[in-house]
Structure formats: C-alpha cells, structure tokens
C-alpha cells in the first residue's frame, strides 16, 4: 500500500517531464526541389518569383547558407534508399 502511494505520483511526474522534454526537440523539415538554384526563392531576393509559403517558413526558421554537395540527392534516390532498406531492391551482386 505504501509503495502504491509513492509509485502513482512518481509516474505522473515522469509522464509530465517526458512531455516537456519531447516538446523541446526541434522539428526538421526537408524540402527537396529539382532544377533550382539557391536564388530561386522569394526570401533569397529573386525579383520575379513569389514563394509566400516558403517565405513564411523562412521567417520562422534557420537558413543554412554554406551548404555544398558534390552529388545532390533527389527524390528518386531517397525513395530508392527507403525501398532498399525494406528489401524490395537487390543489387546485382545479391541476385542468383
């Protein structure tokens, strides 16, 4: 009986703390587009393109300006990785 009086409030406190800790973790949004340069957005100062939703997201976010990749990842590559992890795709070396 004494253990129950201690355990129930302890579980309540732990559940409250876990929700507070989870709320502090940042959200990550990965936006993939094809055939665009770094300046093809309204928030980057393009004189003709209007991107109001991305502009709003930018105003509340962090912009990573010094990112360089030698082989840009496209949507097809990400889908291939997802399916290969599920076992739907095999390499030629793995086939008999």
Protein backbone atom coordinates (compact mmCIF):
# COMPACT_ATOMS: atom_id res chain seq x y z
CA UNK A 1 0.00 0.00 0.00
CA UNK A 2 2.83 2.41 0.87
CA UNK A 3 4.57 1.64 -2.42
CA UNK A 4 1.42 2.43 -4.38
CA UNK A 5 1.14 5.87 -2.76
CA UNK A 6 4.69 6.59 -3.88
CA UNK A 7 4.64 4.98 -7.33
CA UNK A 8 1.49 6.66 -8.71
CA UNK A 9 2.67 10.27 -8.10
CA UNK A 10 6.12 9.33 -9.35
CA UNK A 11 4.66 8.00 -12.63
CA UNK A 12 2.60 11.18 -13.01
CA UNK A 13 5.70 13.36 -12.60
CA UNK A 14 7.71 11.24 -15.04
CA UNK A 15 4.98 11.44 -17.68
CA UNK A 16 4.83 15.24 -17.32
CA UNK A 17 8.60 15.55 -17.60
CA UNK A 18 8.76 13.36 -20.69
CA UNK A 19 6.21 15.55 -22.49
CA UNK A 20 8.19 18.69 -21.57
CA UNK A 21 11.44 17.15 -22.83
CA UNK A 22 9.78 16.00 -26.06
CA UNK A 23 8.40 19.50 -26.68
CA UNK A 24 11.91 20.98 -26.63
CA UNK A 25 13.16 18.85 -29.54
CA UNK A 26 13.33 20.78 -32.82
CA UNK A 27 11.28 19.92 -35.88
CA UNK A 28 13.23 19.19 -39.06
CA UNK A 29 11.67 19.81 -42.47
CA UNK A 30 13.46 18.54 -45.57
CA UNK A 31 12.34 20.33 -48.72
CA UNK A 32 13.56 18.79 -51.97
CA UNK A 33 13.20 20.52 -55.32
CA UNK A 34 14.72 19.86 -58.70
CA UNK A 35 16.45 22.26 -61.11
CA UNK A 36 16.56 25.26 -58.81
CA UNK A 37 19.48 27.45 -57.92
CA UNK A 38 19.99 28.94 -54.48
CA UNK A 39 18.44 32.23 -55.60
CA UNK A 40 15.17 30.82 -57.00
CA UNK A 41 13.16 31.73 -53.91
CA UNK A 42 11.42 34.90 -52.84
CA UNK A 43 13.23 35.06 -49.50
CA UNK A 44 16.58 34.92 -51.32
CA UNK A 45 15.71 38.08 -53.24
CA UNK A 46 14.52 36.78 -56.61
CA UNK A 47 12.88 39.70 -58.46
CA UNK A 48 10.08 37.71 -60.13
CA UNK A 49 9.40 34.50 -58.21
CA UNK A 50 6.92 34.61 -55.35
CA UNK A 51 7.10 31.87 -52.75
CA UNK A 52 4.85 33.08 -49.89
CA UNK A 53 4.70 29.78 -48.00
CA UNK A 54 8.45 29.28 -48.13
CA UNK A 55 8.95 32.95 -47.20
CA UNK A 56 6.83 32.44 -44.07
CA UNK A 57 8.69 29.25 -43.20
CA UNK A 58 11.98 31.08 -43.71
CA UNK A 59 10.93 33.91 -41.38
CA UNK A 60 10.48 31.35 -38.57
CA UNK A 61 13.48 29.17 -39.41
CA UNK A 62 17.21 28.89 -39.81
CA UNK A 63 18.84 29.31 -43.21
CA UNK A 64 21.94 27.23 -43.90
CA UNK A 65 23.82 29.35 -46.44
CA UNK A 66 27.11 27.48 -46.83
CA UNK A 67 25.96 24.03 -47.91
CA UNK A 68 27.76 22.41 -50.81
CA UNK A 69 27.22 18.91 -52.17
CA UNK A 70 29.09 17.14 -54.93
CA UNK A 71 26.18 14.84 -55.78
CA UNK A 72 22.79 16.36 -54.92
CA UNK A 73 20.26 13.94 -53.52
CA UNK A 74 16.98 13.79 -55.41
CA UNK A 75 13.60 12.34 -54.59
CA UNK A 76 14.28 9.23 -56.67
CA UNK A 77 17.40 8.48 -54.64
CA UNK A 78 15.58 8.91 -51.33
CA UNK A 79 12.81 6.57 -52.48
CA UNK A 80 15.39 4.02 -53.63
CA UNK A 81 17.05 4.08 -50.22
CA UNK A 82 13.70 3.66 -48.48
CA UNK A 83 12.73 0.66 -50.61
CA UNK A 84 16.17 -0.96 -50.49
CA UNK A 85 16.04 -0.88 -46.69
CA UNK A 86 12.73 -2.71 -46.83
CA UNK A 87 14.29 -5.38 -49.02
CA UNK A 88 12.37 -4.57 -52.20
CA UNK A 89 15.51 -3.84 -54.22
CA UNK A 90 18.58 -6.00 -54.53
CA UNK A 91 21.93 -5.30 -56.04
CA UNK A 92 23.16 -7.38 -58.96
CA UNK A 93 25.74 -8.99 -56.69
CA UNK A 94 22.96 -10.27 -54.42
CA UNK A 95 20.96 -11.90 -57.21
CA UNK A 96 21.46 -15.50 -58.28
